[in-house]
Protein backbone atom coordinates (compact mmCIF):
# COMPACT_ATOMS: atom_id res chain seq x y z
CA UNK A 1 0.00 0.00 0.00
CA UNK A 2 2.82 2.38 0.84
CA UNK A 3 4.43 1.68 -2.53
CA UNK A 4 1.12 2.39 -4.27
CA UNK A 5 0.78 5.79 -2.59
CA UNK A 6 4.40 6.55 -3.41
CA UNK A 7 3.88 5.72 -7.10
CA UNK A 8 0.69 7.78 -7.21
CA UNK A 9 2.49 10.70 -5.59
CA UNK A 10 5.29 10.56 -8.15
CA UNK A 11 2.72 10.40 -10.94
CA UNK A 12 0.45 13.22 -9.77
CA UNK A 13 2.65 15.80 -8.05
CA UNK A 14 3.69 17.63 -11.23
CA UNK A 15 0.18 17.87 -12.84
CA UNK A 16 -1.30 19.04 -9.53
CA UNK A 17 1.46 21.63 -9.10
CA UNK A 18 0.92 22.95 -12.63
CA UNK A 19 -2.86 23.15 -12.16
CA UNK A 20 -2.52 25.01 -8.85
CA UNK A 21 0.00 27.44 -10.33
CA UNK A 22 -2.26 27.97 -13.36
CA UNK A 23 -5.35 28.42 -11.17
CA UNK A 24 -3.87 31.02 -8.83
CA UNK A 25 -1.67 32.66 -11.47
CA UNK A 26 -4.62 33.28 -13.81
CA UNK A 27 -7.26 34.03 -11.15
CA UNK A 28 -7.27 37.78 -11.82
CA UNK A 29 -6.27 37.61 -15.48
CA UNK A 30 -7.85 40.17 -17.79
CA UNK A 31 -5.98 38.92 -20.86
CA UNK A 32 -8.16 37.94 -23.80
CA UNK A 33 -5.77 35.17 -24.75
CA UNK A 34 -5.15 33.74 -21.26
CA UNK A 35 -8.50 33.67 -19.43
CA UNK A 36 -8.70 32.38 -15.85
CA UNK A 37 -8.49 28.62 -15.50
CA UNK A 38 -11.79 28.74 -13.60
CA UNK A 39 -13.54 30.11 -16.70
CA UNK A 40 -11.86 27.50 -18.92
CA UNK A 41 -12.99 24.66 -16.66
CA UNK A 42 -16.52 26.06 -16.52
CA UNK A 43 -16.57 26.13 -20.31
CA UNK A 44 -15.14 22.60 -20.42
CA UNK A 45 -17.86 21.31 -18.07
CA UNK A 46 -20.62 23.13 -19.96
CA UNK A 47 -19.56 21.93 -23.42
CA UNK A 48 -17.96 18.53 -22.86
CA UNK A 49 -19.86 17.03 -19.95
CA UNK A 50 -23.15 17.40 -21.75
CA UNK A 51 -24.68 16.76 -25.18
CA UNK A 52 -21.54 17.88 -27.05
CA UNK A 53 -19.71 14.83 -25.72
CA UNK A 54 -22.14 12.68 -27.69
CA UNK A 55 -22.29 14.85 -30.81
CA UNK A 56 -18.58 15.68 -31.11
CA UNK A 57 -16.34 13.67 -28.77
CA UNK A 58 -17.75 10.18 -29.35
CA UNK A 59 -17.64 10.43 -33.18
CA UNK A 60 -14.03 11.65 -33.00
CA UNK A 61 -13.07 8.83 -30.66
CA UNK A 62 -14.82 6.30 -32.89
CA UNK A 63 -13.06 7.51 -36.05
CA UNK A 64 -9.74 7.59 -34.23
CA UNK A 65 -10.13 4.01 -33.00
CA UNK A 66 -11.18 2.67 -36.40
CA UNK A 67 -8.40 4.53 -38.21
CA UNK A 68 -5.79 3.41 -35.69
CA UNK A 69 -7.07 -0.16 -35.84
CA UNK A 70 -6.77 -0.25 -39.64
CA UNK A 71 -3.31 1.34 -39.59
CA UNK A 72 -2.08 -1.01 -36.86
CA UNK A 73 -3.51 -4.21 -38.35
CA UNK A 74 -2.48 -3.27 -41.89
CA UNK A 75 1.01 -2.26 -40.82
CA UNK A 76 1.64 -5.47 -38.87
CA UNK A 77 0.12 -7.73 -41.55
CA UNK A 78 2.01 -6.16 -44.46
CA UNK A 79 5.15 -5.86 -42.35
CA UNK A 80 5.11 -9.59 -41.64
CA UNK A 81 4.69 -10.43 -45.32
CA UNK A 82 7.45 -8.09 -46.43
CA UNK A 83 9.77 -8.95 -43.56
CA UNK A 84 9.60 -12.68 -44.29
CA UNK A 85 10.49 -12.28 -47.98
CA UNK A 86 13.80 -10.74 -48.99
CA UNK A 87 12.69 -10.44 -52.61
CA UNK A 88 9.43 -8.73 -51.67
CA UNK A 89 11.30 -6.39 -49.35
CA UNK A 90 13.80 -5.45 -52.06
CA UNK A 91 11.02 -4.92 -54.61
CA UNK A 92 8.80 -2.78 -52.41
CA UNK A 93 11.41 -0.85 -50.41
CA UNK A 94 11.73 2.06 -52.93
CA UNK A 95 7.94 2.50 -53.01
CA UNK A 96 7.68 2.33 -49.23
CA UNK A 97 10.45 4.88 -48.76
CA UNK A 98 8.79 7.20 -51.28
CA UNK A 99 5.33 6.98 -49.71
CA UNK A 100 6.55 7.34 -46.12
CA UNK A 101 8.36 10.56 -47.10
CA UNK A 102 5.04 12.23 -47.94
CA UNK A 103 3.87 14.32 -44.95
CA UNK A 104 0.63 12.72 -43.64
CA UNK A 105 -1.38 16.01 -43.79
CA UNK A 106 -0.60 16.15 -47.51
CA UNK A 107 -2.93 13.16 -47.92
CA UNK A 108 -5.91 15.36 -47.06
CA UNK A 109 -6.57 16.78 -50.57
CA UNK A 110 -6.43 13.31 -52.14
CA UNK A 111 -8.66 11.83 -49.43
CA UNK A 112 -11.14 14.67 -49.96
CA UNK A 113 -11.27 13.92 -53.68
CA UNK A 114 -11.78 10.20 -53.12
CA UNK A 115 -14.07 10.16 -50.08
CA UNK A 116 -15.49 13.68 -49.74
CA UNK A 117 -16.22 15.26 -46.39
CA UNK A 118 -17.25 12.67 -43.82
CA UNK A 119 -16.13 9.96 -41.46
CA UNK A 120 -14.70 7.77 -44.22
CA UNK A 121 -12.30 10.55 -45.21
CA UNK A 122 -11.13 11.05 -41.61
CA UNK A 123 -10.54 7.31 -41.21
CA UNK A 124 -8.72 7.07 -44.54
CA UNK A 125 -6.36 9.91 -43.60
CA UNK A 126 -5.49 8.16 -40.32
CA UNK A 127 -5.07 4.74 -41.90
CA UNK A 128 -2.87 5.96 -44.77
CA UNK A 129 -0.88 8.48 -42.77
CA UNK A 130 -0.24 6.53 -39.57
CA UNK A 131 0.50 3.08 -40.98
CA UNK A 132 4.22 3.64 -41.57
CA UNK A 133 5.68 3.29 -38.05
CA UNK A 134 3.82 0.02 -37.52
CA UNK A 135 4.78 -1.24 -40.99
CA UNK A 136 8.48 -0.33 -40.81
CA UNK A 137 8.97 -1.54 -37.25
CA UNK A 138 7.31 -4.85 -38.07
CA UNK A 139 9.57 -5.30 -41.09
CA UNK A 140 12.67 -4.49 -39.03
CA UNK A 141 11.49 -6.67 -36.13
CA UNK A 142 10.95 -9.70 -38.36
CA UNK A 143 14.18 -9.23 -40.30
CA UNK A 144 16.15 -8.85 -37.06
CA UNK A 145 15.08 -12.28 -35.78
CA UNK A 146 17.76 -14.87 -35.29
CA UNK A 147 17.99 -17.10 -38.37
CA UNK A 148 18.08 -20.12 -36.06
CA UNK A 149 14.57 -19.23 -34.85
CA UNK A 150 13.28 -19.16 -38.43
CA UNK A 151 15.09 -22.41 -39.28
CA UNK A 152 13.63 -24.02 -36.16
CA UNK A 153 10.08 -23.26 -37.30
CA UNK A 154 10.87 -24.94 -40.60
CA UNK A 155 12.53 -27.98 -39.06
CA UNK A 156 9.55 -28.58 -36.80
CA UNK A 157 7.30 -28.30 -39.84
CA UNK A 158 5.00 -25.81 -38.22
CA UNK A 159 2.04 -24.62 -40.24
CA UNK A 160 2.30 -21.05 -41.57
CA UNK A 161 -0.28 -19.84 -39.04
CA UNK A 162 1.54 -21.41 -36.06
CA UNK A 163 4.88 -20.23 -37.41
CA UNK A 164 3.67 -16.64 -37.51
CA UNK A 165 1.41 -16.41 -34.45
CA UNK A 166 3.29 -18.73 -32.09
CA UNK A 167 6.92 -17.89 -32.91
CA UNK A 168 7.68 -15.02 -35.28
CA UNK A 169 5.07 -12.49 -34.17
CA UNK A 170 5.78 -12.89 -30.42
CA UNK A 171 9.53 -12.70 -31.02
CA UNK A 172 9.19 -9.47 -32.99
CA UNK A 173 6.47 -8.00 -30.72
CA UNK A 174 8.74 -5.65 -28.68
CA UNK A 175 9.74 -3.76 -31.80
CA UNK A 176 6.23 -3.99 -33.24
CA UNK A 177 4.77 -2.34 -30.15
CA UNK A 178 7.36 0.43 -30.39
CA UNK A 179 6.03 1.18 -33.87
CA UNK A 180 2.41 0.89 -32.75
CA UNK A 181 2.99 3.51 -30.07
CA UNK A 182 4.15 6.00 -32.73
CA UNK A 183 1.19 5.00 -34.92
CA UNK A 184 -1.11 5.77 -32.00
CA UNK A 185 0.29 9.28 -31.56
CA UNK A 186 0.12 9.96 -35.29
CA UNK A 187 -3.50 8.75 -35.36
CA UNK A 188 -4.45 11.30 -32.69
CA UNK A 189 -2.72 14.08 -34.63
CA UNK A 190 -4.37 13.10 -37.91
CA UNK A 191 -7.91 12.86 -36.55
CA UNK A 192 -7.52 16.42 -35.25
CA UNK A 193 -5.99 17.72 -38.49
CA UNK A 194 -8.57 16.01 -40.71
CA UNK A 195 -11.46 17.32 -38.60
CA UNK A 196 -10.06 20.83 -38.59
CA UNK A 197 -9.88 21.09 -42.35
CA UNK A 198 -12.61 18.79 -43.62
CA UNK A 199 -15.37 18.10 -41.13
CA UNK A 200 -18.55 19.62 -39.76
CA UNK A 201 -18.28 18.06 -36.29
CA UNK A 202 -15.75 16.56 -33.94
CA UNK A 203 -13.18 17.82 -31.47
CA UNK A 204 -10.87 19.21 -34.14
CA UNK A 205 -13.75 21.09 -35.78
CA UNK A 206 -14.79 22.48 -32.39
CA UNK A 207 -11.28 23.81 -31.65
CA UNK A 208 -10.84 25.41 -35.08
CA UNK A 209 -14.35 26.87 -35.11
CA UNK A 210 -13.82 28.32 -31.62
CA UNK A 211 -10.56 29.90 -32.73
CA UNK A 212 -12.16 31.42 -35.83
CA UNK A 213 -15.00 32.83 -33.73
CA UNK A 214 -12.44 34.16 -31.23
CA UNK A 215 -14.07 32.10 -28.47
CA UNK A 216 -10.90 31.80 -26.43
CA UNK A 217 -12.23 29.82 -23.41
CA UNK A 218 -13.79 27.31 -25.82
CA UNK A 219 -10.47 27.02 -27.69
CA UNK A 220 -8.66 26.26 -24.44
CA UNK A 221 -11.39 23.81 -23.38
CA UNK A 222 -11.13 21.93 -26.69
CA UNK A 223 -7.35 21.75 -26.32
CA UNK A 224 -7.79 20.21 -22.87
CA UNK A 225 -10.13 17.60 -24.38
CA UNK A 226 -7.48 16.71 -26.97
CA UNK A 227 -4.87 16.40 -24.23
CA UNK A 228 -7.13 14.11 -22.21
CA UNK A 229 -7.87 11.99 -25.28
CA UNK A 230 -4.17 11.54 -25.98
CA UNK A 231 -3.37 10.78 -22.35
CA UNK A 232 -6.13 8.20 -21.91
CA UNK A 233 -5.33 6.52 -25.25
CA UNK A 234 -1.64 6.28 -24.35
CA UNK A 235 -2.46 4.97 -20.86
CA UNK A 236 -4.70 2.22 -22.25
CA UNK A 237 -2.07 1.33 -24.87
CA UNK A 238 0.68 1.09 -22.23
CA UNK A 239 -1.48 -1.20 -20.07
CA UNK A 240 -2.11 -3.50 -23.05
CA UNK A 241 1.56 -3.41 -24.01
CA UNK A 242 2.65 -4.36 -20.50
CA UNK A 243 0.23 -7.28 -20.44
CA UNK A 244 1.20 -8.58 -23.87
CA UNK A 245 4.97 -8.13 -23.31
CA UNK A 246 4.99 -9.41 -19.71
CA UNK A 247 7.01 -12.43 -20.87
CA UNK A 248 9.64 -10.14 -22.40
CA UNK A 249 10.09 -8.10 -19.24
CA UNK A 250 10.29 -11.29 -17.20
CA UNK A 251 12.98 -12.74 -19.48
CA UNK A 252 14.93 -9.47 -19.44
CA UNK A 253 14.81 -9.28 -15.63
CA UNK A 254 15.97 -12.90 -15.37
CA UNK A 255 18.95 -12.17 -17.61
CA UNK A 256 19.84 -9.11 -15.54
CA UNK A 257 19.77 -11.14 -12.31
CA UNK A 258 21.89 -13.85 -13.89
Foldseek 3Di string as FASTA:
>chain_A
DVVVVVVVCVVCVVVVVVVVCQQVVQVPPPDLQRHHVVLLVVLLCVQCVDPQCVFAVVLLVVLLVLLLVLLQVVLLVLLVVLLVDVVSVVVCVVVLVVQLPDQLVVCLVVLCVVPNFDSVSLSVSLNSNLNNLLNVLNSVLQNPDDVVQVVVCVVVPPDPVCSVPVGRCLSSVVSNLVSSLSSSVSSLVSSLSNCLPGYDHYLNVQLNVCVVVSVNSSNVSSVVVSVVVSVVVSVVSVVVSCVSCVVVVVVVVVVVVD
